[in-house]
Amino acid sequence: MTSPENPPAGWFPDPHNPALSRWWDGQQWTQNTQPAQSAPPGAPATPLQPALAGAAARPVAAVGAGPGLAGPAGPGGLPPGQPGQPGFAGTTAPPPTPPATPVYKKWWFWALIALALILLIYAVAHSKGTAASPPVASASAATTAAASPAATPTAAESSAAPSPTPAPSSAAATSEAPAPTTAVTSSAALPPRDNSSAQPATLGAGQYSVGTDVQPGRYVIAGPAGESGNLQVDREGEILPWVNEILGDPSVIGVPSVTTDLKAGDTIQISGLSQVTFTPAQTALSNQLSTGRWIVGLDIAAGRYTATPPTGESGNLIVQSEGDLFPAVNEILGGSLGVPSYTVTLTDGQEIEISALSSVTFTP
């Protein structure tokens, strides 16, 4: 006699508790149950009699009605209550495998996201260097030309370095003179800086707007002697403050001055200082730069240097190339957390930012 096949998987009356429906997986009973009244249509019309382990319990329904209803013998030809058949009390299904935790619920996923955002914010804040001013002839260039020794440019020099401004003799004198610290206004690669819009101003503690309380331009910003307080300049589109320095005595805390460009719309906040002076800055090449922002080719000649901080001070040196996402240099100079010096190659157009250091000396 051929044994009948097992019933298909589905909800059937629990052989041990008629008040429940138990899931039959096609081979054996599982641990999944639900109230009998909520069983879907298709469950056997006549419930199985509870089968006890080792007992020869028999269903009361006709053949094919559900698990345990295949006539005198259960599915697979074995009577209910035997291993592998519905009603066998000792048969238990393995617990279901818990679903895998989604990656976005893991702590390290959000830690990586936070780190990436911090790096992106820092990179964007330092990627917006001060662009060079449009080419406008300045009186300082003419003064430099008059003060320099007379020299006639050769035909090769004139053809190799055409300039939109009528000062070829100044460029030639600059290239022939020994490397000075404050003798020229800019390199031949960059146009001179126009600072004619800057006007002297004095502001006390408070909040101010560039264009209303102080004119746009490049300034040396200094606090009064014997006082210490904070200077902050915010610029639209910048995530971090354009300037955030403590003005004060470097031997105690702070820097004596900050040199930077101010644009119309910038906001200035002064706190802890009775007055702060804004003096229009003069542009001259120098190998010693103070706190602030500087352009290679306008404020320091391009070349290879070793940058050294003053003794006993510690602060940041940042060199940013225009268009680059990350700084070319980002070092702490001095102190227990910094390095005593840093050797770097500077190219025309790069921006140098010096923070928390009264000055940095660049030795060729």
Protein backbone atom coordinates (compact mmCIF):
# COMPACT_ATOMS: atom_id res chain seq x y z
CA MET A 1 0.00 0.00 0.00
CA THR A 2 1.41 3.38 -1.03
CA SER A 3 1.80 5.90 1.79
CA PRO A 4 -0.10 9.19 1.24
CA GLU A 5 1.94 12.35 0.81
CA ASN A 6 2.26 14.94 3.59
CA PRO A 7 -0.25 17.82 3.46
CA PRO A 8 1.04 21.15 2.15
CA ALA A 9 2.27 23.84 4.57
CA GLY A 10 -0.44 25.85 6.31
CA TRP A 11 -2.29 26.68 9.51
CA PHE A 12 -4.01 23.70 11.10
CA PRO A 13 -5.66 23.02 14.49
CA ASP A 14 -3.05 22.48 17.18
CA PRO A 15 -3.03 18.73 18.06
CA HIS A 16 -2.38 19.65 21.71
CA ASN A 17 -4.63 22.71 22.13
CA PRO A 18 -7.82 23.02 20.06
CA ALA A 19 -7.97 26.75 20.94
CA LEU A 20 -4.85 27.39 18.83
CA SER A 21 -3.82 26.96 15.23
CA ARG A 22 -0.24 25.71 14.67
CA TRP A 23 1.83 26.12 11.49
CA TRP A 24 2.57 22.90 9.59
CA ASP A 25 5.64 23.47 7.31
CA GLY A 26 4.86 20.50 5.07
CA GLN A 27 7.11 18.14 7.03
CA GLN A 28 6.52 18.79 10.72
CA TRP A 29 4.84 21.06 13.25
CA THR A 30 6.59 24.36 14.06
CA GLN A 31 6.56 26.55 17.20
CA ASN A 32 4.42 29.25 15.49
CA THR A 33 0.85 29.40 16.81
CA GLN A 34 -2.10 31.79 16.71
CA PRO A 35 -5.66 31.78 18.03
CA ALA A 36 -7.79 29.22 16.23
CA GLN A 37 -10.44 31.77 15.22
CA SER A 38 -7.86 33.81 13.26
CA ALA A 39 -6.79 30.88 11.08
CA PRO A 40 -7.26 31.71 7.37
CA PRO A 41 -9.75 29.90 5.14
CA GLY A 42 -8.40 26.60 3.95
CA ALA A 43 -7.67 25.23 7.42
CA PRO A 44 -9.18 21.78 8.02
CA ALA A 45 -12.88 21.90 8.80
CA THR A 46 -12.57 19.16 11.40
CA PRO A 47 -9.80 19.71 14.00
CA LEU A 48 -7.34 17.02 14.84
CA GLN A 49 -7.64 15.23 18.10
CA PRO A 50 -4.65 16.11 20.36
CA ALA A 51 -2.03 13.45 19.83
CA LEU A 52 0.03 12.45 22.81
CA ALA A 53 3.63 11.32 22.54
CA GLY A 54 3.71 7.58 21.97
CA ALA A 55 -0.09 7.31 21.76
CA ALA A 56 -1.85 5.92 18.72
CA ALA A 57 -4.24 8.84 18.36
CA ARG A 58 -6.26 8.92 15.15
CA PRO A 59 -7.94 11.82 13.30
CA VAL A 60 -11.70 11.86 12.92
CA ALA A 61 -11.84 13.58 9.53
CA ALA A 62 -11.63 12.12 6.08
CA VAL A 63 -8.48 11.52 4.09
CA GLY A 64 -6.81 14.68 2.70
CA ALA A 65 -8.46 17.21 5.04
CA GLY A 66 -5.15 18.34 6.60
CA PRO A 67 -2.20 17.15 8.63
CA GLY A 68 -3.01 14.02 10.49
CA LEU A 69 -6.19 13.42 8.41
CA ALA A 70 -4.76 10.92 5.92
CA GLY A 71 -6.95 8.05 7.02
CA PRO A 72 -5.72 5.58 9.60
CA ALA A 73 -2.12 6.71 9.17
CA GLY A 74 -0.70 10.24 9.33
CA PRO A 75 1.33 11.96 6.57
CA GLY A 76 4.18 9.84 5.34
CA GLY A 77 2.42 6.65 6.35
CA LEU A 78 3.23 6.99 10.06
CA PRO A 79 0.53 7.35 12.70
CA PRO A 80 0.18 10.76 14.35
CA GLY A 81 2.31 11.08 17.42
CA GLN A 82 5.38 9.54 15.73
CA PRO A 83 8.52 11.55 14.91
CA GLY A 84 8.09 13.57 11.76
CA GLN A 85 4.29 13.51 11.93
CA PRO A 86 1.80 16.13 13.23
CA GLY A 87 1.06 15.56 16.85
CA PHE A 88 4.49 14.28 17.83
CA ALA A 89 5.11 16.12 21.13
CA GLY A 90 8.89 15.83 20.99
CA THR A 91 9.31 17.49 17.58
CA THR A 92 10.35 21.12 17.79
CA ALA A 93 11.37 23.41 14.95
CA PRO A 94 14.54 25.46 15.30
CA PRO A 95 13.91 29.09 16.29
CA PRO A 96 13.67 31.46 13.33
CA THR A 97 16.88 33.25 12.41
CA PRO A 98 16.65 36.92 13.54
CA PRO A 99 16.86 39.40 10.66
CA ALA A 100 20.23 41.03 10.07
CA THR A 101 20.59 44.51 11.56
CA PRO A 102 20.55 47.14 8.76
CA VAL A 103 23.91 48.86 8.31
CA TYR A 104 22.41 52.29 9.04
CA LYS A 105 21.54 51.08 12.57
CA LYS A 106 25.13 50.24 13.42
CA TRP A 107 27.06 52.79 15.52
CA TRP A 108 30.19 52.72 13.37
CA PHE A 109 28.18 53.73 10.29
CA TRP A 110 27.15 57.04 11.88
CA ALA A 111 30.64 57.55 13.32
CA LEU A 112 32.04 57.40 9.77
CA ILE A 113 29.35 59.81 8.54
CA ALA A 114 30.20 62.30 11.32
CA LEU A 115 33.94 62.08 10.58
CA ALA A 116 33.32 62.64 6.87
CA LEU A 117 31.18 65.71 7.60
CA ILE A 118 33.86 67.18 9.89
CA LEU A 119 36.53 66.71 7.22
CA LEU A 120 34.26 68.21 4.55
CA ILE A 121 33.42 71.27 6.66
CA TYR A 122 37.09 71.88 7.42
CA ALA A 123 38.11 71.48 3.79
CA VAL A 124 35.39 73.81 2.48
CA ALA A 125 36.21 76.44 5.12
CA HIS A 126 39.85 76.59 4.00
CA SER A 127 39.33 76.14 0.25
CA LYS A 128 38.10 79.68 -0.29
CA GLY A 129 41.32 81.63 -0.40
CA THR A 130 41.50 85.35 -0.91
CA ALA A 131 41.52 85.97 -4.64
CA ALA A 132 44.03 88.42 -6.04
CA SER A 133 42.69 91.92 -6.69
CA PRO A 134 41.99 92.97 -10.33
CA PRO A 135 44.93 94.58 -12.10
CA VAL A 136 44.90 98.25 -11.15
CA ALA A 137 48.00 100.39 -11.35
CA SER A 138 49.05 101.57 -7.89
CA ALA A 139 51.06 104.54 -6.74
CA SER A 140 53.29 102.25 -4.64
CA ALA A 141 54.51 100.49 -7.81
CA ALA A 142 55.52 103.81 -9.33
CA THR A 143 57.27 104.80 -6.09
CA THR A 144 59.21 101.55 -6.09
CA ALA A 145 60.24 102.09 -9.70
CA ALA A 146 61.54 105.59 -8.89
CA ALA A 147 63.48 104.39 -5.86
CA SER A 148 65.11 101.47 -7.67
CA PRO A 149 68.42 101.89 -9.57
CA ALA A 150 67.93 102.87 -13.21
CA ALA A 151 67.98 99.88 -15.52
CA THR A 152 66.97 99.44 -19.13
CA PRO A 153 65.17 96.15 -19.90
CA THR A 154 66.70 94.05 -22.61
CA ALA A 155 64.73 93.05 -25.71
CA ALA A 156 64.41 89.49 -24.39
CA GLU A 157 63.03 90.69 -21.05
CA SER A 158 60.54 93.00 -22.71
CA SER A 159 59.19 90.32 -25.06
CA ALA A 160 59.15 87.54 -22.48
CA ALA A 161 57.24 89.40 -19.79
CA PRO A 162 54.61 91.76 -21.27
CA SER A 163 52.58 93.58 -18.63
CA PRO A 164 49.19 95.33 -18.88
CA THR A 165 50.56 98.11 -16.68
CA PRO A 166 53.18 100.55 -18.05
CA ALA A 167 55.98 99.55 -15.64
CA PRO A 168 58.44 97.26 -17.46
CA SER A 169 61.45 99.05 -15.98
CA SER A 170 60.17 98.32 -12.44
CA ALA A 171 59.92 94.60 -13.17
CA ALA A 172 63.41 94.54 -14.63
CA ALA A 173 64.91 96.38 -11.66
CA THR A 174 63.18 93.97 -9.29
CA SER A 175 64.61 90.90 -11.04
CA GLU A 176 68.16 92.30 -10.98
CA ALA A 177 68.21 93.55 -7.38
CA PRO A 178 69.25 91.22 -4.54
CA ALA A 179 66.41 89.50 -2.68
CA PRO A 180 65.00 92.20 -0.37
CA THR A 181 62.56 91.74 2.49
CA THR A 182 60.37 94.78 1.86
CA ALA A 183 61.47 96.27 -1.46
CA VAL A 184 58.79 95.23 -3.99
CA THR A 185 55.01 95.21 -4.04
CA SER A 186 54.39 91.98 -5.97
CA SER A 187 55.95 89.40 -8.23
CA ALA A 188 55.61 89.64 -12.00
CA ALA A 189 53.09 86.74 -11.92
CA LEU A 190 50.44 88.63 -9.91
CA PRO A 191 48.94 92.10 -10.39
CA PRO A 192 49.56 94.60 -7.60
CA ARG A 193 47.03 94.82 -4.77
CA ASP A 194 44.71 97.83 -4.82
CA ASN A 195 43.86 99.00 -1.30
CA SER A 196 42.61 102.47 -2.11
CA SER A 197 39.17 101.77 -0.59
CA ALA A 198 40.55 101.16 2.94
CA GLN A 199 40.06 104.03 5.40
CA PRO A 200 41.36 104.26 9.00
CA ALA A 201 38.74 103.50 11.66
CA THR A 202 38.46 102.90 15.39
CA LEU A 203 35.70 100.72 16.84
CA GLY A 204 34.83 99.80 20.41
CA ALA A 205 33.26 96.63 21.75
CA GLY A 206 30.20 95.64 19.76
CA GLN A 207 28.98 94.31 16.42
CA TYR A 208 29.70 96.11 13.14
CA SER A 209 29.22 95.74 9.40
CA VAL A 210 31.89 96.22 6.75
CA GLY A 211 30.68 98.80 4.28
CA THR A 212 28.78 100.73 6.96
CA ASP A 213 31.04 101.04 10.01
CA VAL A 214 34.36 100.42 8.29
CA GLN A 215 35.15 100.51 4.57
CA PRO A 216 36.16 97.38 2.62
CA GLY A 217 39.90 96.91 2.20
CA ARG A 218 42.97 95.32 3.71
CA TYR A 219 43.76 96.31 7.30
CA VAL A 220 46.11 95.79 10.20
CA ILE A 221 43.69 95.34 13.11
CA ALA A 222 45.13 95.92 16.60
CA GLY A 223 43.83 96.25 20.16
CA PRO A 224 44.94 98.71 22.86
CA ALA A 225 48.04 98.05 24.95
CA GLY A 226 47.38 96.26 28.23
CA GLU A 227 44.00 94.82 27.17
CA SER A 228 43.00 91.41 25.90
CA GLY A 229 39.83 90.48 24.06
CA ASN A 230 38.37 88.69 21.07
CA LEU A 231 38.09 89.76 17.43
CA GLN A 232 35.80 87.76 15.16
CA VAL A 233 34.97 88.40 11.51
CA ASP A 234 32.26 86.34 9.79
CA ARG A 235 31.82 86.18 6.03
CA GLU A 236 28.79 85.06 4.06
CA GLY A 237 29.36 81.65 2.50
CA GLU A 238 32.10 80.67 4.97
CA ILE A 239 31.29 77.91 7.45
CA LEU A 240 33.98 78.96 9.94
CA PRO A 241 34.79 82.55 10.99
CA TRP A 242 37.05 84.41 8.56
CA VAL A 243 38.97 85.76 11.58
CA ASN A 244 38.79 84.48 15.15
CA GLU A 245 41.72 85.75 17.22
CA ILE A 246 42.50 86.97 20.72
CA LEU A 247 44.11 90.41 20.58
CA GLY A 248 46.50 90.91 23.47
CA ASP A 249 50.03 90.51 24.76
CA PRO A 250 51.70 87.42 23.19
CA SER A 251 53.65 86.82 26.42
CA VAL A 252 50.33 86.30 28.22
CA ILE A 253 47.74 85.28 25.62
CA GLY A 254 46.80 86.53 22.19
CA VAL A 255 48.49 88.33 19.30
CA PRO A 256 49.20 92.06 18.94
CA SER A 257 47.47 92.44 15.55
CA VAL A 258 45.73 90.68 12.66
CA THR A 259 46.22 91.57 9.00
CA THR A 260 43.38 90.58 6.69
CA ASP A 261 41.07 91.66 3.88
CA LEU A 262 37.57 92.84 4.76
CA LYS A 263 34.76 92.59 2.20
CA ALA A 264 31.48 94.50 2.08
CA GLY A 265 28.91 92.54 4.07
CA ASP A 266 31.38 91.01 6.52
CA THR A 267 30.30 91.26 10.15
CA ILE A 268 32.76 92.21 12.90
CA GLN A 269 32.33 91.34 16.57
CA ILE A 270 34.63 92.88 19.20
CA SER A 271 34.43 91.76 22.83
CA GLY A 272 36.57 92.51 25.89
CA LEU A 273 38.37 95.44 24.21
CA SER A 274 37.65 99.14 24.74
CA GLN A 275 38.77 100.03 21.23
CA VAL A 276 40.25 98.39 18.14
CA THR A 277 42.07 100.30 15.40
CA PHE A 278 41.79 99.48 11.69
CA THR A 279 44.84 100.77 9.80
CA PRO A 280 45.05 100.34 5.99
CA ALA A 281 47.75 97.75 5.27
CA GLN A 282 50.72 98.41 3.01
CA THR A 283 51.70 95.66 0.58
CA ALA A 284 55.39 94.69 0.49
CA LEU A 285 57.29 91.44 0.08
CA SER A 286 58.66 90.19 3.39
CA ASN A 287 60.12 87.02 4.85
CA GLN A 288 58.40 87.62 8.20
CA LEU A 289 54.62 87.49 8.31
CA SER A 290 52.40 88.23 11.31
CA THR A 291 48.98 86.90 12.26
CA GLY A 292 46.55 87.02 9.35
CA ARG A 293 46.12 86.03 5.72
CA TRP A 294 48.81 86.53 3.07
CA ILE A 295 49.25 85.86 -0.64
CA VAL A 296 52.42 84.32 -2.07
CA GLY A 297 53.73 86.65 -4.75
CA LEU A 298 52.24 89.75 -3.08
CA ASP A 299 53.34 89.46 0.56
CA ILE A 300 56.16 86.91 0.28
CA ALA A 301 58.14 85.81 -2.78
CA ALA A 302 57.62 82.30 -4.10
CA GLY A 303 60.35 79.85 -3.10
CA ARG A 304 61.37 77.15 -0.66
CA TYR A 305 61.46 78.18 3.01
CA THR A 306 61.77 76.89 6.54
CA ALA A 307 58.97 78.42 8.63
CA THR A 308 59.81 79.04 12.30
CA PRO A 309 57.57 80.45 15.09
CA PRO A 310 58.71 82.81 17.86
CA THR A 311 60.17 81.16 20.94
CA GLY A 312 57.52 80.22 23.50
CA GLU A 313 54.55 80.58 21.12
CA SER A 314 52.36 77.96 19.50
CA GLY A 315 49.85 78.32 16.69
CA ASN A 316 48.73 77.24 13.23
CA LEU A 317 50.35 77.57 9.82
CA ILE A 318 48.03 76.81 6.89
CA VAL A 319 48.93 77.04 3.20
CA GLN A 320 46.04 76.71 0.74
CA SER A 321 46.26 76.49 -3.04
CA GLU A 322 43.38 78.05 -4.94
CA GLY A 323 40.88 75.43 -6.10
CA ASP A 324 42.24 72.65 -3.86
CA LEU A 325 39.84 70.95 -1.46
CA PHE A 326 42.42 70.32 1.26
CA PRO A 327 45.25 72.57 2.47
CA ALA A 328 48.75 71.94 1.11
CA VAL A 329 50.07 72.60 4.65
CA ASN A 330 48.22 72.43 7.98
CA GLU A 331 50.70 72.37 10.87
CA ILE A 332 50.94 73.42 14.50
CA LEU A 333 54.18 75.32 15.01
CA GLY A 334 55.75 75.49 18.48
CA GLY A 335 54.67 74.27 21.88
CA SER A 336 54.40 70.70 23.14
CA LEU A 337 51.84 69.77 20.46
CA GLY A 338 53.62 71.37 17.51
CA VAL A 339 56.83 71.11 15.53
CA PRO A 340 59.74 73.57 15.93
CA SER A 341 59.81 74.36 12.19
CA TYR A 342 58.33 73.34 8.87
CA THR A 343 59.95 73.36 5.42
CA VAL A 344 57.65 74.19 2.53
CA THR A 345 57.73 75.28 -1.11
CA LEU A 346 55.51 78.31 -1.77
CA THR A 347 54.13 79.14 -5.21
CA ASP A 348 52.54 82.34 -6.51
CA GLY A 349 48.85 82.67 -5.67
CA GLN A 350 48.82 80.41 -2.61
CA GLU A 351 47.21 81.80 0.54
CA ILE A 352 49.04 81.62 3.87
CA GLU A 353 47.02 81.74 7.08
CA ILE A 354 48.82 82.32 10.40
CA SER A 355 46.76 81.97 13.56
CA ALA A 356 47.62 82.37 17.28
CA LEU A 357 51.23 83.24 16.39
CA SER A 358 52.48 86.83 16.57
CA SER A 359 54.72 86.11 13.56
CA VAL A 360 56.36 83.39 11.47
CA THR A 361 59.84 83.76 9.96
CA PHE A 362 60.41 82.18 6.53
CA THR A 363 64.09 81.42 6.01
CA PRO A 364 65.08 80.53 2.39
